[in-house]
Amino acid sequence: MITVNSEEMPWSEGMTVQDALDACHYNYSRIIVWLNDEIVEDKASFSKIKVPDGSRLQVIHLFAGG
């Protein structure tokens, strides 16, 4: 199991940050992700960074307003 924004979800071998985002239907263009309290700075690396079992992901959608 992993936790995404305080919600538990199933984990699978080889799961990436992008896989977790897709499973949660997070498809925002501006997004910040922390994996176990470390920021994942490069959005292009979401599909390369593996999520270990038991991990915590914190996802924030950025938006502008006026």
N, C-alpha and C. Protein backbone atom coordinates (compact mmCIF):
# COMPACT_ATOMS: atom_id res chain seq x y z
N MET A 1 0.84 -1.19 0.00
CA MET A 1 0.00 0.00 0.00
C MET A 1 0.88 1.24 0.00
N ILE A 2 0.37 2.28 -0.64
CA ILE A 2 0.99 3.59 -0.57
C ILE A 2 -0.10 4.57 -0.13
N THR A 3 0.33 5.76 0.25
CA THR A 3 -0.62 6.80 0.65
C THR A 3 -0.43 7.99 -0.28
N VAL A 4 -1.54 8.44 -0.86
CA VAL A 4 -1.53 9.61 -1.73
C VAL A 4 -2.49 10.62 -1.12
N ASN A 5 -1.95 11.76 -0.70
CA ASN A 5 -2.77 12.79 -0.05
C ASN A 5 -3.65 12.20 1.05
N SER A 6 -3.05 11.41 1.91
CA SER A 6 -3.70 10.81 3.08
C SER A 6 -4.69 9.70 2.75
N GLU A 7 -4.79 9.29 1.49
CA GLU A 7 -5.67 8.20 1.09
C GLU A 7 -4.83 6.99 0.71
N GLU A 8 -5.13 5.83 1.28
CA GLU A 8 -4.39 4.62 0.93
C GLU A 8 -4.83 4.10 -0.42
N MET A 9 -3.88 3.56 -1.15
CA MET A 9 -4.18 2.94 -2.44
C MET A 9 -3.25 1.75 -2.64
N PRO A 10 -3.64 0.81 -3.47
CA PRO A 10 -2.79 -0.37 -3.70
C PRO A 10 -1.48 0.00 -4.38
N TRP A 11 -0.45 -0.73 -4.04
CA TRP A 11 0.87 -0.58 -4.64
C TRP A 11 1.12 -1.77 -5.55
N SER A 12 1.88 -1.56 -6.62
CA SER A 12 2.27 -2.67 -7.49
C SER A 12 3.75 -2.55 -7.83
N GLU A 13 4.37 -3.67 -8.04
CA GLU A 13 5.80 -3.73 -8.37
C GLU A 13 6.08 -2.86 -9.59
N GLY A 14 7.10 -2.03 -9.49
CA GLY A 14 7.49 -1.17 -10.61
C GLY A 14 6.69 0.11 -10.74
N MET A 15 5.80 0.37 -9.80
CA MET A 15 4.95 1.57 -9.86
C MET A 15 5.82 2.82 -9.87
N THR A 16 5.45 3.76 -10.75
CA THR A 16 6.14 5.04 -10.83
C THR A 16 5.25 6.14 -10.25
N VAL A 17 5.83 7.30 -10.08
CA VAL A 17 5.05 8.46 -9.64
C VAL A 17 3.90 8.70 -10.62
N GLN A 18 4.18 8.62 -11.92
CA GLN A 18 3.13 8.85 -12.93
C GLN A 18 2.02 7.82 -12.82
N ASP A 19 2.37 6.55 -12.55
CA ASP A 19 1.35 5.51 -12.38
C ASP A 19 0.41 5.86 -11.22
N ALA A 20 0.98 6.33 -10.13
CA ALA A 20 0.16 6.72 -8.97
C ALA A 20 -0.74 7.90 -9.30
N LEU A 21 -0.19 8.89 -10.00
CA LEU A 21 -0.99 10.04 -10.40
C LEU A 21 -2.13 9.63 -11.32
N ASP A 22 -1.83 8.75 -12.27
CA ASP A 22 -2.86 8.27 -13.20
C ASP A 22 -3.96 7.51 -12.46
N ALA A 23 -3.57 6.68 -11.50
CA ALA A 23 -4.55 5.91 -10.74
C ALA A 23 -5.49 6.82 -9.95
N CYS A 24 -4.98 7.97 -9.54
CA CYS A 24 -5.79 8.94 -8.80
C CYS A 24 -6.48 9.96 -9.71
N HIS A 25 -6.28 9.81 -11.01
CA HIS A 25 -6.86 10.73 -12.01
C HIS A 25 -6.37 12.16 -11.85
N TYR A 26 -5.10 12.30 -11.43
CA TYR A 26 -4.48 13.62 -11.35
C TYR A 26 -3.81 13.90 -12.68
N ASN A 27 -4.44 14.69 -13.51
CA ASN A 27 -3.89 15.01 -14.82
C ASN A 27 -3.75 16.51 -15.02
N TYR A 28 -3.45 17.21 -13.95
CA TYR A 28 -3.30 18.66 -14.01
C TYR A 28 -2.01 19.03 -14.72
N SER A 29 -2.01 20.17 -15.39
CA SER A 29 -0.80 20.60 -16.09
C SER A 29 0.24 21.17 -15.13
N ARG A 30 -0.21 21.77 -14.04
CA ARG A 30 0.72 22.32 -13.03
C ARG A 30 0.53 21.55 -11.74
N ILE A 31 1.55 20.79 -11.38
CA ILE A 31 1.43 19.92 -10.23
C ILE A 31 2.77 19.83 -9.51
N ILE A 32 2.72 19.71 -8.20
CA ILE A 32 3.93 19.49 -7.40
C ILE A 32 3.74 18.18 -6.65
N VAL A 33 4.79 17.37 -6.62
CA VAL A 33 4.71 16.07 -5.96
C VAL A 33 5.88 15.93 -4.99
N TRP A 34 5.57 15.46 -3.79
CA TRP A 34 6.60 15.05 -2.82
C TRP A 34 6.48 13.55 -2.66
N LEU A 35 7.60 12.87 -2.72
CA LEU A 35 7.66 11.43 -2.47
C LEU A 35 8.46 11.23 -1.20
N ASN A 36 7.79 10.76 -0.16
CA ASN A 36 8.43 10.57 1.15
C ASN A 36 9.19 11.82 1.59
N ASP A 37 8.52 12.96 1.52
CA ASP A 37 9.02 14.26 1.98
C ASP A 37 10.15 14.84 1.12
N GLU A 38 10.39 14.26 -0.05
CA GLU A 38 11.37 14.84 -0.99
C GLU A 38 10.64 15.26 -2.25
N ILE A 39 10.85 16.51 -2.64
CA ILE A 39 10.16 17.02 -3.82
C ILE A 39 10.67 16.35 -5.09
N VAL A 40 9.73 16.04 -5.96
CA VAL A 40 10.07 15.52 -7.29
C VAL A 40 9.96 16.73 -8.21
N GLU A 41 11.10 17.33 -8.53
CA GLU A 41 11.10 18.63 -9.19
C GLU A 41 10.80 18.59 -10.68
N ASP A 42 11.23 17.56 -11.35
CA ASP A 42 11.11 17.51 -12.80
C ASP A 42 9.92 16.66 -13.22
N LYS A 43 8.89 17.29 -13.77
CA LYS A 43 7.68 16.57 -14.18
C LYS A 43 8.01 15.47 -15.18
N ALA A 44 9.02 15.66 -15.99
CA ALA A 44 9.42 14.64 -16.97
C ALA A 44 9.92 13.37 -16.29
N SER A 45 10.34 13.47 -15.03
CA SER A 45 10.85 12.29 -14.33
C SER A 45 9.75 11.50 -13.63
N PHE A 46 8.51 11.98 -13.65
CA PHE A 46 7.42 11.27 -12.98
C PHE A 46 7.30 9.83 -13.47
N SER A 47 7.54 9.61 -14.76
CA SER A 47 7.40 8.26 -15.32
C SER A 47 8.64 7.40 -15.10
N LYS A 48 9.69 7.97 -14.52
CA LYS A 48 10.94 7.23 -14.29
C LYS A 48 11.18 6.90 -12.83
N ILE A 49 10.64 7.71 -11.93
CA ILE A 49 10.90 7.53 -10.50
C ILE A 49 9.97 6.47 -9.93
N LYS A 50 10.57 5.43 -9.36
CA LYS A 50 9.81 4.32 -8.76
C LYS A 50 9.30 4.71 -7.38
N VAL A 51 8.13 4.22 -7.06
CA VAL A 51 7.50 4.46 -5.76
C VAL A 51 7.61 3.16 -4.96
N PRO A 52 8.42 3.16 -3.91
CA PRO A 52 8.54 1.96 -3.08
C PRO A 52 7.25 1.68 -2.30
N ASP A 53 7.02 0.41 -2.00
CA ASP A 53 5.88 0.03 -1.18
C ASP A 53 5.96 0.76 0.16
N GLY A 54 4.82 1.24 0.64
CA GLY A 54 4.77 1.95 1.91
C GLY A 54 5.05 3.44 1.80
N SER A 55 5.23 3.94 0.59
CA SER A 55 5.57 5.35 0.39
C SER A 55 4.39 6.27 0.64
N ARG A 56 4.74 7.55 0.84
CA ARG A 56 3.76 8.62 0.97
C ARG A 56 3.98 9.62 -0.16
N LEU A 57 2.94 9.90 -0.90
CA LEU A 57 2.99 10.94 -1.91
C LEU A 57 2.06 12.06 -1.49
N GLN A 58 2.55 13.28 -1.63
CA GLN A 58 1.76 14.47 -1.39
C GLN A 58 1.68 15.20 -2.72
N VAL A 59 0.47 15.47 -3.18
CA VAL A 59 0.27 16.06 -4.51
C VAL A 59 -0.50 17.36 -4.35
N ILE A 60 0.03 18.42 -4.96
CA ILE A 60 -0.65 19.71 -4.92
C ILE A 60 -0.80 20.23 -6.34
N HIS A 61 -2.02 20.62 -6.66
CA HIS A 61 -2.34 21.21 -7.96
C HIS A 61 -2.20 22.72 -7.84
N LEU A 62 -1.34 23.29 -8.67
CA LEU A 62 -1.14 24.74 -8.66
C LEU A 62 -2.11 25.38 -9.66
N PHE A 63 -2.63 26.53 -9.29
CA PHE A 63 -3.48 27.27 -10.22
C PHE A 63 -3.33 28.76 -9.94
N ALA A 64 -3.69 29.53 -10.93
CA ALA A 64 -3.57 30.98 -10.79
C ALA A 64 -4.97 31.57 -10.67
N GLY A 65 -5.03 32.68 -10.04
CA GLY A 65 -6.30 33.34 -9.88
C GLY A 65 -6.11 34.85 -9.87
N GLY A 66 -7.18 35.51 -9.84
CA GLY A 66 -7.03 36.95 -9.83
C GLY A 66 -8.18 37.65 -9.20
